[in-house]
Amino acid sequence: VASKLRISVTTSRVWRDKHAAGTLLGLG
């Protein structure tokens, strides 16, 4: 995801964790 969207690997990992928790898009 970091490579495809040209974002940092750290940001992508944080977003992956938030996605798993259901909070990436402001939910939860």
PDB file of all heavy atoms in Angstrom:
ATOM      1  N   VAL A   1       0.841  -1.194   0.000  1.00  0.00           N
ATOM      2  CA  VAL A   1       0.000   0.000   0.000  1.00  0.00           C
ATOM      3  C   VAL A   1       0.880   1.248   0.000  1.00  0.00           C
ATOM      4  O   VAL A   1       0.612   2.212  -0.726  1.00  0.00           O
ATOM      5  CB  VAL A   1      -0.977  -0.014   1.207  1.00  0.00           C
ATOM      6  CG1 VAL A   1      -1.693   1.320   1.346  1.00  0.00           C
ATOM      7  CG2 VAL A   1      -1.975  -1.156   1.064  1.00  0.00           C
ATOM      8  N   ALA A   2       1.950   1.235   0.782  1.00  0.00           N
ATOM      9  CA  ALA A   2       2.868   2.384   0.818  1.00  0.00           C
ATOM     10  C   ALA A   2       3.460   2.636  -0.566  1.00  0.00           C
ATOM     11  O   ALA A   2       3.528   3.781  -1.020  1.00  0.00           O
ATOM     12  CB  ALA A   2       3.975   2.140   1.832  1.00  0.00           C
ATOM     13  N   SER A   3       3.840   1.578  -1.238  1.00  0.00           N
ATOM     14  CA  SER A   3       4.436   1.714  -2.556  1.00  0.00           C
ATOM     15  C   SER A   3       3.421   2.227  -3.579  1.00  0.00           C
ATOM     16  O   SER A   3       3.710   3.144  -4.348  1.00  0.00           O
ATOM     17  CB  SER A   3       4.990   0.359  -2.996  1.00  0.00           C
ATOM     18  OG  SER A   3       5.484   0.423  -4.303  1.00  0.00           O
ATOM     19  N   LYS A   4       2.210   1.660  -3.572  1.00  0.00           N
ATOM     20  CA  LYS A   4       1.185   2.044  -4.547  1.00  0.00           C
ATOM     21  C   LYS A   4       0.718   3.487  -4.353  1.00  0.00           C
ATOM     22  O   LYS A   4       0.472   4.192  -5.323  1.00  0.00           O
ATOM     23  CB  LYS A   4      -0.013   1.102  -4.462  1.00  0.00           C
ATOM     24  CG  LYS A   4       0.240  -0.274  -5.033  1.00  0.00           C
ATOM     25  CD  LYS A   4      -1.035  -1.099  -5.009  1.00  0.00           C
ATOM     26  CE  LYS A   4      -0.812  -2.493  -5.536  1.00  0.00           C
ATOM     27  NZ  LYS A   4      -0.383  -2.584  -6.913  1.00  0.00           N
ATOM     28  N   LEU A   5       0.577   3.898  -3.079  1.00  0.00           N
ATOM     29  CA  LEU A   5       0.041   5.238  -2.813  1.00  0.00           C
ATOM     30  C   LEU A   5       1.142   6.282  -2.585  1.00  0.00           C
ATOM     31  O   LEU A   5       0.836   7.452  -2.350  1.00  0.00           O
ATOM     32  CB  LEU A   5      -0.889   5.192  -1.604  1.00  0.00           C
ATOM     33  CG  LEU A   5      -2.120   4.294  -1.748  1.00  0.00           C
ATOM     34  CD1 LEU A   5      -2.936   4.319  -0.464  1.00  0.00           C
ATOM     35  CD2 LEU A   5      -2.971   4.735  -2.928  1.00  0.00           C
ATOM     36  N   ARG A   6       2.382   5.847  -2.613  1.00  0.00           N
ATOM     37  CA  ARG A   6       3.530   6.734  -2.410  1.00  0.00           C
ATOM     38  C   ARG A   6       3.448   7.485  -1.073  1.00  0.00           C
ATOM     39  O   ARG A   6       3.559   8.716  -1.014  1.00  0.00           O
ATOM     40  CB  ARG A   6       3.674   7.712  -3.566  1.00  0.00           C
ATOM     41  CG  ARG A   6       3.972   6.986  -4.863  1.00  0.00           C
ATOM     42  CD  ARG A   6       4.181   7.921  -5.986  1.00  0.00           C
ATOM     43  NE  ARG A   6       4.417   7.127  -7.194  1.00  0.00           N
ATOM     44  CZ  ARG A   6       4.776   7.629  -8.334  1.00  0.00           C
ATOM     45  NH1 ARG A   6       4.951   8.916  -8.457  1.00  0.00           N
ATOM     46  NH2 ARG A   6       4.959   6.847  -9.370  1.00  0.00           N
ATOM     47  N   ILE A   7       3.218   6.690  -0.040  1.00  0.00           N
ATOM     48  CA  ILE A   7       3.226   7.213   1.326  1.00  0.00           C
ATOM     49  C   ILE A   7       4.308   6.445   2.081  1.00  0.00           C
ATOM     50  O   ILE A   7       4.807   5.423   1.602  1.00  0.00           O
ATOM     51  CB  ILE A   7       1.849   7.060   2.026  1.00  0.00           C
ATOM     52  CG1 ILE A   7       1.427   5.593   2.101  1.00  0.00           C
ATOM     53  CG2 ILE A   7       0.793   7.899   1.325  1.00  0.00           C
ATOM     54  CD1 ILE A   7       0.155   5.348   2.883  1.00  0.00           C
ATOM     55  N   SER A   8       4.675   6.923   3.261  1.00  0.00           N
ATOM     56  CA  SER A   8       5.734   6.246   4.009  1.00  0.00           C
ATOM     57  C   SER A   8       5.240   4.889   4.521  1.00  0.00           C
ATOM     58  O   SER A   8       4.047   4.689   4.740  1.00  0.00           O
ATOM     59  CB  SER A   8       6.191   7.103   5.195  1.00  0.00           C
ATOM     60  OG  SER A   8       5.233   7.084   6.217  1.00  0.00           O
ATOM     61  N   VAL A   9       6.184   3.985   4.692  1.00  0.00           N
ATOM     62  CA  VAL A   9       5.860   2.655   5.208  1.00  0.00           C
ATOM     63  C   VAL A   9       5.295   2.777   6.627  1.00  0.00           C
ATOM     64  O   VAL A   9       4.358   2.066   6.993  1.00  0.00           O
ATOM     65  CB  VAL A   9       7.120   1.749   5.180  1.00  0.00           C
ATOM     66  CG1 VAL A   9       6.868   0.430   5.890  1.00  0.00           C
ATOM     67  CG2 VAL A   9       7.563   1.507   3.749  1.00  0.00           C
ATOM     68  N   THR A  10       5.829   3.691   7.400  1.00  0.00           N
ATOM     69  CA  THR A  10       5.339   3.894   8.768  1.00  0.00           C
ATOM     70  C   THR A  10       3.881   4.335   8.762  1.00  0.00           C
ATOM     71  O   THR A  10       3.055   3.800   9.511  1.00  0.00           O
ATOM     72  CB  THR A  10       6.200   4.942   9.506  1.00  0.00           C
ATOM     73  OG1 THR A  10       7.561   4.528   9.463  1.00  0.00           O
ATOM     74  CG2 THR A  10       5.747   5.118  10.938  1.00  0.00           C
ATOM     75  N   THR A  11       3.545   5.290   7.918  1.00  0.00           N
ATOM     76  CA  THR A  11       2.159   5.753   7.812  1.00  0.00           C
ATOM     77  C   THR A  11       1.259   4.616   7.366  1.00  0.00           C
ATOM     78  O   THR A  11       0.170   4.418   7.919  1.00  0.00           O
ATOM     79  CB  THR A  11       2.054   6.931   6.827  1.00  0.00           C
ATOM     80  OG1 THR A  11       2.844   8.012   7.317  1.00  0.00           O
ATOM     81  CG2 THR A  11       0.621   7.389   6.652  1.00  0.00           C
ATOM     82  N   SER A  12       1.713   3.849   6.404  1.00  0.00           N
ATOM     83  CA  SER A  12       0.916   2.737   5.897  1.00  0.00           C
ATOM     84  C   SER A  12       0.667   1.699   6.986  1.00  0.00           C
ATOM     85  O   SER A  12      -0.434   1.170   7.112  1.00  0.00           O
ATOM     86  CB  SER A  12       1.620   2.095   4.703  1.00  0.00           C
ATOM     87  OG  SER A  12       0.833   1.044   4.186  1.00  0.00           O
ATOM     88  N   ARG A  13       1.673   1.421   7.801  1.00  0.00           N
ATOM     89  CA  ARG A  13       1.503   0.440   8.878  1.00  0.00           C
ATOM     90  C   ARG A  13       0.515   0.949   9.925  1.00  0.00           C
ATOM     91  O   ARG A  13      -0.341   0.210  10.405  1.00  0.00           O
ATOM     92  CB  ARG A  13       2.849   0.126   9.523  1.00  0.00           C
ATOM     93  CG  ARG A  13       2.744  -1.013  10.528  1.00  0.00           C
ATOM     94  CD  ARG A  13       4.063  -1.435  11.056  1.00  0.00           C
ATOM     95  NE  ARG A  13       4.683  -0.327  11.754  1.00  0.00           N
ATOM     96  CZ  ARG A  13       5.950  -0.303  12.127  1.00  0.00           C
ATOM     97  NH1 ARG A  13       6.742  -1.311  11.833  1.00  0.00           N
ATOM     98  NH2 ARG A  13       6.430   0.725  12.774  1.00  0.00           N
ATOM     99  N   VAL A  14       0.612   2.218  10.257  1.00  0.00           N
ATOM    100  CA  VAL A  14      -0.339   2.810  11.210  1.00  0.00           C
ATOM    101  C   VAL A  14      -1.753   2.731  10.633  1.00  0.00           C
ATOM    102  O   VAL A  14      -2.704   2.365  11.335  1.00  0.00           O
ATOM    103  CB  VAL A  14       0.053   4.274  11.537  1.00  0.00           C
ATOM    104  CG1 VAL A  14      -1.061   4.994  12.269  1.00  0.00           C
ATOM    105  CG2 VAL A  14       1.343   4.314  12.334  1.00  0.00           C
ATOM    106  N   TRP A  15      -1.886   3.060   9.356  1.00  0.00           N
ATOM    107  CA  TRP A  15      -3.202   3.001   8.721  1.00  0.00           C
ATOM    108  C   TRP A  15      -3.729   1.576   8.681  1.00  0.00           C
ATOM    109  O   TRP A  15      -4.917   1.355   8.855  1.00  0.00           O
ATOM    110  CB  TRP A  15      -3.135   3.571   7.310  1.00  0.00           C
ATOM    111  CG  TRP A  15      -3.030   5.072   7.270  1.00  0.00           C
ATOM    112  CD1 TRP A  15      -2.896   5.919   8.326  1.00  0.00           C
ATOM    113  CD2 TRP A  15      -3.055   5.886   6.107  1.00  0.00           C
ATOM    114  NE1 TRP A  15      -2.827   7.220   7.898  1.00  0.00           N
ATOM    115  CE2 TRP A  15      -2.931   7.232   6.527  1.00  0.00           C
ATOM    116  CE3 TRP A  15      -3.158   5.624   4.749  1.00  0.00           C
ATOM    117  CZ2 TRP A  15      -2.914   8.306   5.649  1.00  0.00           C
ATOM    118  CZ3 TRP A  15      -3.131   6.689   3.862  1.00  0.00           C
ATOM    119  CH2 TRP A  15      -3.021   8.013   4.316  1.00  0.00           C
ATOM    120  N   ARG A  16      -2.835   0.595   8.443  1.00  0.00           N
ATOM    121  CA  ARG A  16      -3.278  -0.793   8.440  1.00  0.00           C
ATOM    122  C   ARG A  16      -3.860  -1.178   9.802  1.00  0.00           C
ATOM    123  O   ARG A  16      -4.902  -1.809   9.891  1.00  0.00           O
ATOM    124  CB  ARG A  16      -2.108  -1.724   8.098  1.00  0.00           C
ATOM    125  CG  ARG A  16      -2.551  -3.178   7.943  1.00  0.00           C
ATOM    126  CD  ARG A  16      -1.703  -4.246   8.592  1.00  0.00           C
ATOM    127  NE  ARG A  16      -0.917  -3.869   9.715  1.00  0.00           N
ATOM    128  CZ  ARG A  16       0.338  -4.261   9.892  1.00  0.00           C
ATOM    129  NH1 ARG A  16       0.944  -4.995   8.986  1.00  0.00           N
ATOM    130  NH2 ARG A  16       0.991  -3.924  10.974  1.00  0.00           N
ATOM    131  N   ASP A  17      -3.186  -0.748  10.870  1.00  0.00           N
ATOM    132  CA  ASP A  17      -3.679  -1.035  12.221  1.00  0.00           C
ATOM    133  C   ASP A  17      -5.018  -0.346  12.464  1.00  0.00           C
ATOM    134  O   ASP A  17      -5.935  -0.932  13.046  1.00  0.00           O
ATOM    135  CB  ASP A  17      -2.662  -0.583  13.273  1.00  0.00           C
ATOM    136  CG  ASP A  17      -1.376  -1.399  13.222  1.00  0.00           C
ATOM    137  OD1 ASP A  17      -1.372  -2.481  12.589  1.00  0.00           O
ATOM    138  OD2 ASP A  17      -0.374  -0.958  13.827  1.00  0.00           O
ATOM    139  N   LYS A  18      -5.130   0.905  12.017  1.00  0.00           N
ATOM    140  CA  LYS A  18      -6.396   1.630  12.179  1.00  0.00           C
ATOM    141  C   LYS A  18      -7.496   0.990  11.347  1.00  0.00           C
ATOM    142  O   LYS A  18      -8.650   0.913  11.774  1.00  0.00           O
ATOM    143  CB  LYS A  18      -6.232   3.107  11.801  1.00  0.00           C
ATOM    144  CG  LYS A  18      -5.440   3.888  12.817  1.00  0.00           C
ATOM    145  CD  LYS A  18      -5.407   5.355  12.486  1.00  0.00           C
ATOM    146  CE  LYS A  18      -4.694   6.119  13.587  1.00  0.00           C
ATOM    147  NZ  LYS A  18      -4.913   7.541  13.481  1.00  0.00           N
ATOM    148  N   HIS A  19      -7.148   0.502  10.161  1.00  0.00           N
ATOM    149  CA  HIS A  19      -8.126  -0.171   9.312  1.00  0.00           C
ATOM    150  C   HIS A  19      -8.641  -1.440  10.014  1.00  0.00           C
ATOM    151  O   HIS A  19      -9.843  -1.704  10.034  1.00  0.00           O
ATOM    152  CB  HIS A  19      -7.513  -0.527   7.956  1.00  0.00           C
ATOM    153  CG  HIS A  19      -8.429  -1.289   7.058  1.00  0.00           C
ATOM    154  ND1 HIS A  19      -9.511  -0.712   6.438  1.00  0.00           N
ATOM    155  CD2 HIS A  19      -8.437  -2.597   6.702  1.00  0.00           C
ATOM    156  CE1 HIS A  19     -10.147  -1.628   5.732  1.00  0.00           C
ATOM    157  NE2 HIS A  19      -9.517  -2.781   5.882  1.00  0.00           N
ATOM    158  N   ALA A  20      -7.717  -2.191  10.610  1.00  0.00           N
ATOM    159  CA  ALA A  20      -8.102  -3.408  11.324  1.00  0.00           C
ATOM    160  C   ALA A  20      -9.005  -3.093  12.514  1.00  0.00           C
ATOM    161  O   ALA A  20      -9.905  -3.872  12.850  1.00  0.00           O
ATOM    162  CB  ALA A  20      -6.860  -4.153  11.794  1.00  0.00           C
ATOM    163  N   ALA A  21      -8.782  -1.926  13.138  1.00  0.00           N
ATOM    164  CA  ALA A  21      -9.611  -1.519  14.281  1.00  0.00           C
ATOM    165  C   ALA A  21     -10.881  -0.802  13.838  1.00  0.00           C
ATOM    166  O   ALA A  21     -11.740  -0.481  14.659  1.00  0.00           O
ATOM    167  CB  ALA A  21      -8.808  -0.607  15.206  1.00  0.00           C
ATOM    168  N   GLY A  22     -11.013  -0.537  12.534  1.00  0.00           N
ATOM    169  CA  GLY A  22     -12.193   0.148  12.023  1.00  0.00           C
ATOM    170  C   GLY A  22     -12.192   1.639  12.233  1.00  0.00           C
ATOM    171  O   GLY A  22     -13.242   2.275  12.208  1.00  0.00           O
ATOM    172  N   THR A  23     -11.000   2.233  12.425  1.00  0.00           N
ATOM    173  CA  THR A  23     -10.938   3.675  12.699  1.00  0.00           C
ATOM    174  C   THR A  23     -10.208   4.476  11.629  1.00  0.00           C
ATOM    175  O   THR A  23     -10.056   5.686  11.776  1.00  0.00           O
ATOM    176  CB  THR A  23     -10.252   3.932  14.054  1.00  0.00           C
ATOM    177  OG1 THR A  23      -8.932   3.391  14.019  1.00  0.00           O
ATOM    178  CG2 THR A  23     -11.023   3.311  15.205  1.00  0.00           C
ATOM    179  N   LEU A  24      -9.781   3.840  10.546  1.00  0.00           N
ATOM    180  CA  LEU A  24      -9.021   4.549   9.520  1.00  0.00           C
ATOM    181  C   LEU A  24      -9.822   5.664   8.865  1.00  0.00           C
ATOM    182  O   LEU A  24      -9.322   6.742   8.610  1.00  0.00           O
ATOM    183  CB  LEU A  24      -8.510   3.581   8.446  1.00  0.00           C
ATOM    184  CG  LEU A  24      -7.740   4.221   7.281  1.00  0.00           C
ATOM    185  CD1 LEU A  24      -6.527   4.984   7.787  1.00  0.00           C
ATOM    186  CD2 LEU A  24      -7.336   3.167   6.274  1.00  0.00           C
ATOM    187  N   LEU A  25     -11.087   5.429   8.618  1.00  0.00           N
ATOM    188  CA  LEU A  25     -11.915   6.420   7.921  1.00  0.00           C
ATOM    189  C   LEU A  25     -12.763   7.241   8.888  1.00  0.00           C
ATOM    190  O   LEU A  25     -13.789   7.797   8.516  1.00  0.00           O
ATOM    191  CB  LEU A  25     -12.801   5.720   6.887  1.00  0.00           C
ATOM    192  CG  LEU A  25     -12.024   4.959   5.808  1.00  0.00           C
ATOM    193  CD1 LEU A  25     -12.980   4.217   4.892  1.00  0.00           C
ATOM    194  CD2 LEU A  25     -11.137   5.893   5.017  1.00  0.00           C
ATOM    195  N   GLY A  26     -12.315   7.319  10.144  1.00  0.00           N
ATOM    196  CA  GLY A  26     -13.039   8.133  11.117  1.00  0.00           C
ATOM    197  C   GLY A  26     -14.187   7.404  11.778  1.00  0.00           C
ATOM    198  O   GLY A  26     -15.017   8.016  12.431  1.00  0.00           O
ATOM    199  N   LEU A  27     -14.240   6.105  11.652  1.00  0.00           N
ATOM    200  CA  LEU A  27     -15.291   5.329  12.289  1.00  0.00           C
ATOM    201  C   LEU A  27     -14.766   4.807  13.610  1.00  0.00           C
ATOM    202  O   LEU A  27     -13.583   4.699  13.827  1.00  0.00           O
ATOM    203  CB  LEU A  27     -15.702   4.150  11.390  1.00  0.00           C
ATOM    204  CG  LEU A  27     -16.065   4.535   9.954  1.00  0.00           C
ATOM    205  CD1 LEU A  27     -16.259   3.279   9.122  1.00  0.00           C
ATOM    206  CD2 LEU A  27     -17.310   5.388   9.947  1.00  0.00           C
ATOM    207  N   GLY A  28     -15.641   4.417  14.479  1.00  0.00           N
ATOM    208  CA  GLY A  28     -15.232   3.855  15.763  1.00  0.00           C
ATOM    209  C   GLY A  28     -14.902   4.939  16.766  1.00  0.00           C
ATOM    210  O   GLY A  28     -15.152   6.101  16.558  1.00  0.00           O
TER     211      GLY A  28
END
